[in-house]
């Protein structure tokens, strides 16, 4: 049994009403790994340049994140800069410098090819398909995407979906991909393209999970103060997939509901600080406390 994430590793500059963070650690693979590692070891595949902080790699490894699959090559690490307004929902991109990420072609180490739980973060859908072909017999495959790939390679996103068990996507992206006006209609349309489960991330409004015969809606863990929403969705995905991995199960509806609550707990920690700073500082006791709060919130008595 092993858990694998393939995604971006970046240096992010973020401006929010709470302040600024310049070249903080970012990237979908990092947020996912720092969340999922609470449930077991994580194998990480990505690419960084010569300028990426080696101290952070050591911190990942101390949390049982295997970075054998993280390529370090000559050049500069992927950089992104964005600005959030007062509603703290969607960021306005100021600049994107792909740098070494432009040449990213994931090749899995032999020890990663037997992954049982695979998360394909929001990279090019053709690369996601290629990674999936390198994994021998995955028990659960989940993937994410983003507006850029939906607008530029929608057909490739749709082609991938029959090979995916769980499709995680935010509400804006779900509506864009499906051309439907509501989250539920969007999820039902996406299910027609092949995934077994669609999970729509709705930010402060929680998450909606839909299969062909069941629906589950949950709340987010609400916070009075949010510093930086970047990485919330990937932290959420780390909770979902990490819990499935810990339970050694496939696409089990009951386990997925619990995974969503763990995901909401971890996402709440991610957004309380800039970059991955707060996510790095927590232990599982804190994660479990917020999970228990969400369980009680959903109870009828």
C-alpha atoms as a PDB file:
ATOM      1  CA  UNK A   1       0.000   0.000   0.000  1.00  0.00           C
ATOM      2  CA  UNK A   2       1.302   3.450  -0.874  1.00  0.00           C
ATOM      3  CA  UNK A   3      -0.014   6.965  -1.479  1.00  0.00           C
ATOM      4  CA  UNK A   4       1.345   8.993  -4.400  1.00  0.00           C
ATOM      5  CA  UNK A   5       0.855  12.634  -5.398  1.00  0.00           C
ATOM      6  CA  UNK A   6       2.014  14.146  -8.679  1.00  0.00           C
ATOM      7  CA  UNK A   7       1.761  17.912  -8.966  1.00  0.00           C
ATOM      8  CA  UNK A   8       3.437  21.284  -8.806  1.00  0.00           C
ATOM      9  CA  UNK A   9       6.045  22.557  -6.384  1.00  0.00           C
ATOM     10  CA  UNK A  10       6.281  26.326  -6.412  1.00  0.00           C
ATOM     11  CA  UNK A  11       7.333  29.573  -4.798  1.00  0.00           C
ATOM     12  CA  UNK A  12       4.256  31.766  -4.359  1.00  0.00           C
ATOM     13  CA  UNK A  13       3.945  35.490  -3.785  1.00  0.00           C
ATOM     14  CA  UNK A  14       0.517  36.266  -2.362  1.00  0.00           C
ATOM     15  CA  UNK A  15      -1.235  39.508  -1.427  1.00  0.00           C
ATOM     16  CA  UNK A  16      -4.342  39.362   0.760  1.00  0.00           C
ATOM     17  CA  UNK A  17      -6.144  41.824   3.059  1.00  0.00           C
ATOM     18  CA  UNK A  18      -4.108  40.271   5.901  1.00  0.00           C
ATOM     19  CA  UNK A  19      -0.740  41.067   4.345  1.00  0.00           C
ATOM     20  CA  UNK A  20       1.809  39.739   1.890  1.00  0.00           C
ATOM     21  CA  UNK A  21       3.930  36.632   1.523  1.00  0.00           C
ATOM     22  CA  UNK A  22       6.894  36.784  -0.854  1.00  0.00           C
ATOM     23  CA  UNK A  23       8.117  33.550  -2.436  1.00  0.00           C
ATOM     24  CA  UNK A  24       6.610  31.278   0.183  1.00  0.00           C
ATOM     25  CA  UNK A  25       6.504  27.527  -0.348  1.00  0.00           C
ATOM     26  CA  UNK A  26       3.537  26.595  -2.525  1.00  0.00           C
ATOM     27  CA  UNK A  27       2.409  24.144  -5.145  1.00  0.00           C
ATOM     28  CA  UNK A  28      -0.331  21.534  -5.150  1.00  0.00           C
ATOM     29  CA  UNK A  29       1.980  18.621  -4.334  1.00  0.00           C
ATOM     30  CA  UNK A  30       3.324  20.311  -1.196  1.00  0.00           C
ATOM     31  CA  UNK A  31      -0.079  21.241   0.228  1.00  0.00           C
ATOM     32  CA  UNK A  32      -1.408  17.759  -0.494  1.00  0.00           C
ATOM     33  CA  UNK A  33       1.597  15.990   1.015  1.00  0.00           C
ATOM     34  CA  UNK A  34       1.629  18.061   4.210  1.00  0.00           C
ATOM     35  CA  UNK A  35      -2.040  17.180   4.742  1.00  0.00           C
ATOM     36  CA  UNK A  36      -1.963  13.526   3.699  1.00  0.00           C
ATOM     37  CA  UNK A  37       1.138  12.725   5.754  1.00  0.00           C
ATOM     38  CA  UNK A  38      -0.979  12.835   8.935  1.00  0.00           C
ATOM     39  CA  UNK A  39      -2.430   9.504   7.792  1.00  0.00           C
ATOM     40  CA  UNK A  40       0.677   7.736   6.495  1.00  0.00           C
ATOM     41  CA  UNK A  41       3.781   8.057   4.286  1.00  0.00           C
ATOM     42  CA  UNK A  42       3.435   9.984   1.016  1.00  0.00           C
ATOM     43  CA  UNK A  43       5.458   9.664  -2.197  1.00  0.00           C
ATOM     44  CA  UNK A  44       5.819  12.973  -4.037  1.00  0.00           C
ATOM     45  CA  UNK A  45       6.594  13.594  -7.709  1.00  0.00           C
ATOM     46  CA  UNK A  46       7.335  17.106  -8.971  1.00  0.00           C
ATOM     47  CA  UNK A  47      10.087  19.365 -10.226  1.00  0.00           C
ATOM     48  CA  UNK A  48      12.068  22.253  -8.708  1.00  0.00           C
ATOM     49  CA  UNK A  49      14.982  24.435  -9.729  1.00  0.00           C
ATOM     50  CA  UNK A  50      18.336  25.026  -8.106  1.00  0.00           C
ATOM     51  CA  UNK A  51      16.873  27.873  -6.046  1.00  0.00           C
ATOM     52  CA  UNK A  52      14.331  25.765  -4.151  1.00  0.00           C
ATOM     53  CA  UNK A  53      14.995  25.762  -0.369  1.00  0.00           C
ATOM     54  CA  UNK A  54      16.695  22.506   0.620  1.00  0.00           C
ATOM     55  CA  UNK A  55      15.603  23.042   4.213  1.00  0.00           C
ATOM     56  CA  UNK A  56      11.991  22.552   3.188  1.00  0.00           C
ATOM     57  CA  UNK A  57      12.812  19.234   1.531  1.00  0.00           C
ATOM     58  CA  UNK A  58      14.284  18.118   4.832  1.00  0.00           C
ATOM     59  CA  UNK A  59      11.102  19.146   6.626  1.00  0.00           C
ATOM     60  CA  UNK A  60       9.024  17.124   4.165  1.00  0.00           C
ATOM     61  CA  UNK A  61      11.212  14.079   4.717  1.00  0.00           C
ATOM     62  CA  UNK A  62      10.886  14.439   8.487  1.00  0.00           C
ATOM     63  CA  UNK A  63       7.138  14.049   8.012  1.00  0.00           C
ATOM     64  CA  UNK A  64       7.557  10.805   6.046  1.00  0.00           C
ATOM     65  CA  UNK A  65       7.170  12.421   2.641  1.00  0.00           C
ATOM     66  CA  UNK A  66       9.444  10.571   0.219  1.00  0.00           C
ATOM     67  CA  UNK A  67      10.982  13.047  -2.244  1.00  0.00           C
ATOM     68  CA  UNK A  68      12.825  10.505  -4.398  1.00  0.00           C
ATOM     69  CA  UNK A  69      10.473  11.450  -7.236  1.00  0.00           C
ATOM     70  CA  UNK A  70      11.096  15.192  -6.902  1.00  0.00           C
ATOM     71  CA  UNK A  71      13.378  16.228  -9.765  1.00  0.00           C
ATOM     72  CA  UNK A  72      15.834  19.042  -9.048  1.00  0.00           C
ATOM     73  CA  UNK A  73      17.184  20.526 -12.281  1.00  0.00           C
ATOM     74  CA  UNK A  74      19.109  23.575 -13.433  1.00  0.00           C
ATOM     75  CA  UNK A  75      17.026  26.705 -13.621  1.00  0.00           C
ATOM     76  CA  UNK A  76      14.427  28.546 -11.581  1.00  0.00           C
ATOM     77  CA  UNK A  77      11.508  27.028  -9.686  1.00  0.00           C
ATOM     78  CA  UNK A  78       7.923  27.652 -10.862  1.00  0.00           C
ATOM     79  CA  UNK A  79       6.671  30.976  -9.491  1.00  0.00           C
ATOM     80  CA  UNK A  80       3.160  32.366  -9.145  1.00  0.00           C
ATOM     81  CA  UNK A  81       1.937  35.723  -7.840  1.00  0.00           C
ATOM     82  CA  UNK A  82      -1.678  36.500  -7.023  1.00  0.00           C
ATOM     83  CA  UNK A  83      -3.915  39.007  -5.261  1.00  0.00           C
ATOM     84  CA  UNK A  84      -7.042  38.222  -3.227  1.00  0.00           C
ATOM     85  CA  UNK A  85      -9.679  40.881  -2.614  1.00  0.00           C
ATOM     86  CA  UNK A  86     -11.825  41.159   0.506  1.00  0.00           C
ATOM     87  CA  UNK A  87     -14.039  38.162  -0.344  1.00  0.00           C
ATOM     88  CA  UNK A  88     -10.976  35.841  -0.313  1.00  0.00           C
ATOM     89  CA  UNK A  89     -12.418  33.467  -2.884  1.00  0.00           C
ATOM     90  CA  UNK A  90     -10.733  33.708  -6.281  1.00  0.00           C
ATOM     91  CA  UNK A  91      -7.246  35.131  -6.724  1.00  0.00           C
ATOM     92  CA  UNK A  92      -6.371  37.498  -9.535  1.00  0.00           C
ATOM     93  CA  UNK A  93      -3.140  36.270 -11.114  1.00  0.00           C
ATOM     94  CA  UNK A  94      -0.455  38.943 -11.368  1.00  0.00           C
ATOM     95  CA  UNK A  95       2.208  36.742 -12.959  1.00  0.00           C
ATOM     96  CA  UNK A  96       3.023  33.124 -13.712  1.00  0.00           C
ATOM     97  CA  UNK A  97       6.575  32.015 -14.480  1.00  0.00           C
ATOM     98  CA  UNK A  98       6.617  28.301 -15.294  1.00  0.00           C
ATOM     99  CA  UNK A  99      10.419  28.124 -15.400  1.00  0.00           C
ATOM    100  CA  UNK A 100      11.515  24.470 -14.936  1.00  0.00           C
ATOM    101  CA  UNK A 101       7.873  23.384 -14.614  1.00  0.00           C
ATOM    102  CA  UNK A 102       7.447  24.067 -18.342  1.00  0.00           C
ATOM    103  CA  UNK A 103       9.607  21.014 -19.070  1.00  0.00           C
ATOM    104  CA  UNK A 104       8.026  18.760 -16.459  1.00  0.00           C
ATOM    105  CA  UNK A 105       7.461  15.231 -17.777  1.00  0.00           C
ATOM    106  CA  UNK A 106       6.854  12.998 -14.742  1.00  0.00           C
ATOM    107  CA  UNK A 107       8.689   9.690 -14.725  1.00  0.00           C
ATOM    108  CA  UNK A 108       7.841   7.595 -11.714  1.00  0.00           C
ATOM    109  CA  UNK A 109      10.607   5.812  -9.814  1.00  0.00           C
ATOM    110  CA  UNK A 110      10.137   2.036  -9.927  1.00  0.00           C
ATOM    111  CA  UNK A 111       9.218   2.017  -6.223  1.00  0.00           C
ATOM    112  CA  UNK A 112       6.294   4.382  -6.897  1.00  0.00           C
ATOM    113  CA  UNK A 113       4.666   2.362  -9.668  1.00  0.00           C
ATOM    114  CA  UNK A 114       2.769   0.086  -7.277  1.00  0.00           C
ATOM    115  CA  UNK A 115       0.889   2.985  -5.669  1.00  0.00           C
ATOM    116  CA  UNK A 116      -2.540   1.965  -4.409  1.00  0.00           C
ATOM    117  CA  UNK A 117      -3.842   5.510  -3.874  1.00  0.00           C
ATOM    118  CA  UNK A 118      -2.973   8.106  -6.521  1.00  0.00           C
ATOM    119  CA  UNK A 119      -3.749  11.835  -6.566  1.00  0.00           C
ATOM    120  CA  UNK A 120      -3.197  13.655  -9.846  1.00  0.00           C
ATOM    121  CA  UNK A 121      -3.028  17.331  -8.936  1.00  0.00           C
ATOM    122  CA  UNK A 122      -3.946  20.070 -11.394  1.00  0.00           C
ATOM    123  CA  UNK A 123      -1.250  19.650 -14.018  1.00  0.00           C
ATOM    124  CA  UNK A 124      -1.742  19.239 -17.788  1.00  0.00           C
ATOM    125  CA  UNK A 125      -4.377  16.506 -18.336  1.00  0.00           C
ATOM    126  CA  UNK A 126      -2.105  14.809 -20.869  1.00  0.00           C
ATOM    127  CA  UNK A 127       0.581  14.522 -18.191  1.00  0.00           C
ATOM    128  CA  UNK A 128      -2.038  13.211 -15.749  1.00  0.00           C
ATOM    129  CA  UNK A 129      -2.967  10.503 -18.259  1.00  0.00           C
ATOM    130  CA  UNK A 130       0.682   9.613 -18.781  1.00  0.00           C
ATOM    131  CA  UNK A 131       1.288   9.269 -15.033  1.00  0.00           C
ATOM    132  CA  UNK A 132      -1.777   7.056 -14.704  1.00  0.00           C
ATOM    133  CA  UNK A 133      -0.367   4.770 -17.390  1.00  0.00           C
ATOM    134  CA  UNK A 134       2.812   4.352 -15.309  1.00  0.00           C
ATOM    135  CA  UNK A 135       0.988   3.113 -12.198  1.00  0.00           C
ATOM    136  CA  UNK A 136       0.402  -0.635 -12.251  1.00  0.00           C
ATOM    137  CA  UNK A 137      -2.861  -1.362 -10.416  1.00  0.00           C
ATOM    138  CA  UNK A 138      -4.101   1.637  -8.429  1.00  0.00           C
ATOM    139  CA  UNK A 139      -6.952   0.978  -6.030  1.00  0.00           C
ATOM    140  CA  UNK A 140      -8.150   4.598  -6.015  1.00  0.00           C
ATOM    141  CA  UNK A 141      -7.368   7.343  -8.541  1.00  0.00           C
ATOM    142  CA  UNK A 142      -8.382  10.928  -7.780  1.00  0.00           C
ATOM    143  CA  UNK A 143      -7.640  14.005  -9.827  1.00  0.00           C
ATOM    144  CA  UNK A 144      -8.108  17.767  -9.845  1.00  0.00           C
ATOM    145  CA  UNK A 145      -7.960  20.341 -12.611  1.00  0.00           C
ATOM    146  CA  UNK A 146      -8.114  24.115 -13.049  1.00  0.00           C
ATOM    147  CA  UNK A 147      -9.689  26.774 -15.267  1.00  0.00           C
ATOM    148  CA  UNK A 148      -6.653  26.983 -17.547  1.00  0.00           C
ATOM    149  CA  UNK A 149      -6.834  23.301 -18.539  1.00  0.00           C
ATOM    150  CA  UNK A 150     -10.626  23.371 -18.892  1.00  0.00           C
ATOM    151  CA  UNK A 151     -10.391  26.325 -21.266  1.00  0.00           C
ATOM    152  CA  UNK A 152      -7.376  25.119 -23.250  1.00  0.00           C
ATOM    153  CA  UNK A 153      -7.717  21.313 -23.179  1.00  0.00           C
ATOM    154  CA  UNK A 154     -11.291  20.507 -22.209  1.00  0.00           C
ATOM    155  CA  UNK A 155     -11.399  17.444 -24.461  1.00  0.00           C
ATOM    156  CA  UNK A 156      -8.317  16.006 -22.733  1.00  0.00           C
ATOM    157  CA  UNK A 157      -9.836  16.618 -19.297  1.00  0.00           C
ATOM    158  CA  UNK A 158     -13.014  14.796 -20.346  1.00  0.00           C
ATOM    159  CA  UNK A 159     -11.016  11.938 -21.925  1.00  0.00           C
ATOM    160  CA  UNK A 160      -9.262  11.348 -18.600  1.00  0.00           C
ATOM    161  CA  UNK A 161     -12.428  11.110 -16.500  1.00  0.00           C
ATOM    162  CA  UNK A 162     -13.408   7.482 -17.316  1.00  0.00           C
ATOM    163  CA  UNK A 163     -10.038   6.426 -15.840  1.00  0.00           C
ATOM    164  CA  UNK A 164     -10.650   8.346 -12.602  1.00  0.00           C
ATOM    165  CA  UNK A 165     -12.542   7.189  -9.505  1.00  0.00           C
ATOM    166  CA  UNK A 166     -12.840  10.544  -7.725  1.00  0.00           C
ATOM    167  CA  UNK A 167     -12.889  13.914  -9.463  1.00  0.00           C
ATOM    168  CA  UNK A 168     -12.258  16.875  -7.154  1.00  0.00           C
ATOM    169  CA  UNK A 169     -12.965  20.326  -8.574  1.00  0.00           C
ATOM    170  CA  UNK A 170     -14.002  23.703  -7.231  1.00  0.00           C
ATOM    171  CA  UNK A 171     -17.449  25.124  -7.924  1.00  0.00           C
ATOM    172  CA  UNK A 172     -16.354  27.662 -10.536  1.00  0.00           C
ATOM    173  CA  UNK A 173     -14.409  25.012 -12.450  1.00  0.00           C
ATOM    174  CA  UNK A 174     -17.233  22.476 -12.219  1.00  0.00           C
ATOM    175  CA  UNK A 175     -19.685  24.948 -13.777  1.00  0.00           C
ATOM    176  CA  UNK A 176     -17.175  25.907 -16.465  1.00  0.00           C
ATOM    177  CA  UNK A 177     -16.443  22.297 -17.388  1.00  0.00           C
ATOM    178  CA  UNK A 178     -20.068  21.121 -17.368  1.00  0.00           C
ATOM    179  CA  UNK A 179     -21.669  24.323 -18.681  1.00  0.00           C
ATOM    180  CA  UNK A 180     -24.285  23.916 -15.958  1.00  0.00           C
ATOM    181  CA  UNK A 181     -25.516  26.661 -13.626  1.00  0.00           C
ATOM    182  CA  UNK A 182     -25.669  24.877 -10.262  1.00  0.00           C
ATOM    183  CA  UNK A 183     -23.185  22.657  -8.394  1.00  0.00           C
ATOM    184  CA  UNK A 184     -25.521  19.658  -8.318  1.00  0.00           C
ATOM    185  CA  UNK A 185     -26.329  19.825 -12.034  1.00  0.00           C
ATOM    186  CA  UNK A 186     -22.631  20.262 -12.758  1.00  0.00           C
ATOM    187  CA  UNK A 187     -21.773  17.168 -10.720  1.00  0.00           C
ATOM    188  CA  UNK A 188     -24.449  15.075 -12.444  1.00  0.00           C
ATOM    189  CA  UNK A 189     -23.175  16.135 -15.865  1.00  0.00           C
ATOM    190  CA  UNK A 190     -19.557  15.327 -14.969  1.00  0.00           C
ATOM    191  CA  UNK A 191     -20.604  11.879 -13.698  1.00  0.00           C
ATOM    192  CA  UNK A 192     -21.836  11.102 -17.215  1.00  0.00           C
ATOM    193  CA  UNK A 193     -18.211  11.370 -18.398  1.00  0.00           C
ATOM    194  CA  UNK A 194     -17.027   8.507 -16.247  1.00  0.00           C
ATOM    195  CA  UNK A 195     -15.821   9.172 -12.681  1.00  0.00           C
ATOM    196  CA  UNK A 196     -17.517   7.229  -9.890  1.00  0.00           C
ATOM    197  CA  UNK A 197     -17.665  10.194  -7.526  1.00  0.00           C
ATOM    198  CA  UNK A 198     -17.532  13.966  -8.018  1.00  0.00           C
ATOM    199  CA  UNK A 199     -16.540  16.186  -5.088  1.00  0.00           C
ATOM    200  CA  UNK A 200     -17.180  19.888  -5.628  1.00  0.00           C
ATOM    201  CA  UNK A 201     -15.160  22.146  -3.339  1.00  0.00           C
ATOM    202  CA  UNK A 202     -17.219  25.186  -2.343  1.00  0.00           C
ATOM    203  CA  UNK A 203     -14.763  27.123  -0.162  1.00  0.00           C
ATOM    204  CA  UNK A 204     -16.475  28.558   2.946  1.00  0.00           C
ATOM    205  CA  UNK A 205     -19.692  26.769   1.909  1.00  0.00           C
ATOM    206  CA  UNK A 206     -18.154  23.329   2.357  1.00  0.00           C
ATOM    207  CA  UNK A 207     -18.238  20.498  -0.177  1.00  0.00           C
ATOM    208  CA  UNK A 208     -20.787  18.608  -2.238  1.00  0.00           C
ATOM    209  CA  UNK A 209     -20.143  14.927  -3.029  1.00  0.00           C
ATOM    210  CA  UNK A 210     -22.272  13.208  -5.650  1.00  0.00           C
ATOM    211  CA  UNK A 211     -22.308   9.648  -7.015  1.00  0.00           C
ATOM    212  CA  UNK A 212     -24.861   8.015  -9.298  1.00  0.00           C
ATOM    213  CA  UNK A 213     -27.058   7.021  -6.368  1.00  0.00           C
ATOM    214  CA  UNK A 214     -26.100   9.196  -3.389  1.00  0.00           C
ATOM    215  CA  UNK A 215     -25.430  12.781  -2.335  1.00  0.00           C
ATOM    216  CA  UNK A 216     -23.551  14.190   0.655  1.00  0.00           C
ATOM    217  CA  UNK A 217     -23.163  17.847   1.563  1.00  0.00           C
ATOM    218  CA  UNK A 218     -20.874  19.090   4.335  1.00  0.00           C
ATOM    219  CA  UNK A 219     -19.872  22.376   5.909  1.00  0.00           C
ATOM    220  CA  UNK A 220     -16.446  23.937   5.969  1.00  0.00           C
ATOM    221  CA  UNK A 221     -14.736  24.572   9.286  1.00  0.00           C
ATOM    222  CA  UNK A 222     -15.553  28.255   9.595  1.00  0.00           C
ATOM    223  CA  UNK A 223     -12.890  30.702  10.736  1.00  0.00           C
ATOM    224  CA  UNK A 224     -13.163  34.304  11.857  1.00  0.00           C
ATOM    225  CA  UNK A 225      -9.814  35.173  10.271  1.00  0.00           C
ATOM    226  CA  UNK A 226      -8.424  33.838   6.988  1.00  0.00           C
ATOM    227  CA  UNK A 227      -4.930  34.899   5.938  1.00  0.00           C
ATOM    228  CA  UNK A 228      -4.314  33.063   2.663  1.00  0.00           C
ATOM    229  CA  UNK A 229      -6.736  30.728   0.824  1.00  0.00           C
ATOM    230  CA  UNK A 230      -3.993  29.421  -1.502  1.00  0.00           C
ATOM    231  CA  UNK A 231      -3.655  25.650  -1.265  1.00  0.00           C
ATOM    232  CA  UNK A 232      -6.942  25.055   0.554  1.00  0.00           C
ATOM    233  CA  UNK A 233      -8.259  22.718  -2.153  1.00  0.00           C
ATOM    234  CA  UNK A 234      -5.087  20.621  -2.270  1.00  0.00           C
ATOM    235  CA  UNK A 235      -4.987  20.418   1.533  1.00  0.00           C
ATOM    236  CA  UNK A 236      -8.605  19.272   1.420  1.00  0.00           C
ATOM    237  CA  UNK A 237      -7.714  16.594  -1.146  1.00  0.00           C
ATOM    238  CA  UNK A 238      -4.852  15.454   1.079  1.00  0.00           C
ATOM    239  CA  UNK A 239      -7.323  14.832   3.887  1.00  0.00           C
ATOM    240  CA  UNK A 240      -9.709  12.876   1.677  1.00  0.00           C
ATOM    241  CA  UNK A 241      -7.087  10.659   0.056  1.00  0.00           C
ATOM    242  CA  UNK A 242      -4.997  10.369   3.199  1.00  0.00           C
ATOM    243  CA  UNK A 243      -7.962   9.005   5.123  1.00  0.00           C
ATOM    244  CA  UNK A 244      -8.832   6.479   2.391  1.00  0.00           C
ATOM    245  CA  UNK A 245      -5.207   5.360   2.443  1.00  0.00           C
ATOM    246  CA  UNK A 246      -5.140   5.002   6.225  1.00  0.00           C
ATOM    247  CA  UNK A 247      -8.312   2.918   6.134  1.00  0.00           C
ATOM    248  CA  UNK A 248      -6.855   0.764   3.335  1.00  0.00           C
ATOM    249  CA  UNK A 249     -10.084   1.141   1.386  1.00  0.00           C
ATOM    250  CA  UNK A 250     -11.210   2.027  -2.093  1.00  0.00           C
ATOM    251  CA  UNK A 251     -14.152   4.200  -3.086  1.00  0.00           C
ATOM    252  CA  UNK A 252     -16.207   3.569   0.034  1.00  0.00           C
ATOM    253  CA  UNK A 253     -19.040   6.075   0.576  1.00  0.00           C
ATOM    254  CA  UNK A 254     -18.825   6.037   4.371  1.00  0.00           C
ATOM    255  CA  UNK A 255     -15.054   6.492   4.337  1.00  0.00           C
ATOM    256  CA  UNK A 256     -15.345   9.298   1.798  1.00  0.00           C
ATOM    257  CA  UNK A 257     -17.738  11.218   4.053  1.00  0.00           C
ATOM    258  CA  UNK A 258     -15.238  11.010   6.906  1.00  0.00           C
ATOM    259  CA  UNK A 259     -12.416  11.902   4.512  1.00  0.00           C
ATOM    260  CA  UNK A 260     -14.263  15.055   3.471  1.00  0.00           C
ATOM    261  CA  UNK A 261     -14.495  16.171   7.103  1.00  0.00           C
ATOM    262  CA  UNK A 262     -10.789  15.502   7.620  1.00  0.00           C
ATOM    263  CA  UNK A 263     -10.154  17.452   4.423  1.00  0.00           C
ATOM    264  CA  UNK A 264     -12.194  20.387   5.718  1.00  0.00           C
ATOM    265  CA  UNK A 265     -10.224  20.312   8.965  1.00  0.00           C
ATOM    266  CA  UNK A 266      -6.858  20.389   7.182  1.00  0.00           C
ATOM    267  CA  UNK A 267      -7.952  23.075   4.718  1.00  0.00           C
ATOM    268  CA  UNK A 268      -8.896  25.290   7.662  1.00  0.00           C
ATOM    269  CA  UNK A 269      -5.358  25.093   9.017  1.00  0.00           C
ATOM    270  CA  UNK A 270      -3.878  25.849   5.594  1.00  0.00           C
ATOM    271  CA  UNK A 271      -5.790  29.122   5.243  1.00  0.00           C
ATOM    272  CA  UNK A 272      -4.956  30.370   8.743  1.00  0.00           C
ATOM    273  CA  UNK A 273      -1.397  31.168   7.668  1.00  0.00           C
ATOM    274  CA  UNK A 274       0.523  32.247   4.593  1.00  0.00           C
ATOM    275  CA  UNK A 275       2.092  29.595   2.384  1.00  0.00           C
ATOM    276  CA  UNK A 276       2.386  26.227   4.174  1.00  0.00           C
ATOM    277  CA  UNK A 277       3.586  27.808   7.437  1.00  0.00           C
ATOM    278  CA  UNK A 278       0.555  26.954   9.584  1.00  0.00           C
ATOM    279  CA  UNK A 279      -0.069  23.598   7.933  1.00  0.00           C
ATOM    280  CA  UNK A 280       3.480  22.616   8.879  1.00  0.00           C
ATOM    281  CA  UNK A 281       3.025  23.587  12.515  1.00  0.00           C
ATOM    282  CA  UNK A 282       0.080  21.366  13.458  1.00  0.00           C
ATOM    283  CA  UNK A 283      -0.150  17.825  14.788  1.00  0.00           C
ATOM    284  CA  UNK A 284      -2.826  15.190  14.301  1.00  0.00           C
ATOM    285  CA  UNK A 285      -4.453  15.934  17.675  1.00  0.00           C
ATOM    286  CA  UNK A 286      -5.374  19.385  16.368  1.00  0.00           C
ATOM    287  CA  UNK A 287      -6.656  17.947  13.087  1.00  0.00           C
ATOM    288  CA  UNK A 288      -8.787  15.436  14.973  1.00  0.00           C
ATOM    289  CA  UNK A 289     -10.235  18.161  17.225  1.00  0.00           C
ATOM    290  CA  UNK A 290     -11.603  20.081  14.234  1.00  0.00           C
ATOM    291  CA  UNK A 291     -12.803  16.859  12.626  1.00  0.00           C
ATOM    292  CA  UNK A 292     -14.749  16.020  15.806  1.00  0.00           C
ATOM    293  CA  UNK A 293     -16.269  19.506  15.808  1.00  0.00           C
ATOM    294  CA  UNK A 294     -17.516  19.015  12.234  1.00  0.00           C
ATOM    295  CA  UNK A 295     -18.957  15.591  13.110  1.00  0.00           C
ATOM    296  CA  UNK A 296     -20.916  17.154  15.973  1.00  0.00           C
ATOM    297  CA  UNK A 297     -22.092  19.984  13.727  1.00  0.00           C
ATOM    298  CA  UNK A 298     -23.613  17.467  11.300  1.00  0.00           C
ATOM    299  CA  UNK A 299     -25.345  15.497  14.072  1.00  0.00           C
ATOM    300  CA  UNK A 300     -29.102  15.894  14.448  1.00  0.00           C
ATOM    301  CA  UNK A 301     -29.009  15.512  18.217  1.00  0.00           C
END
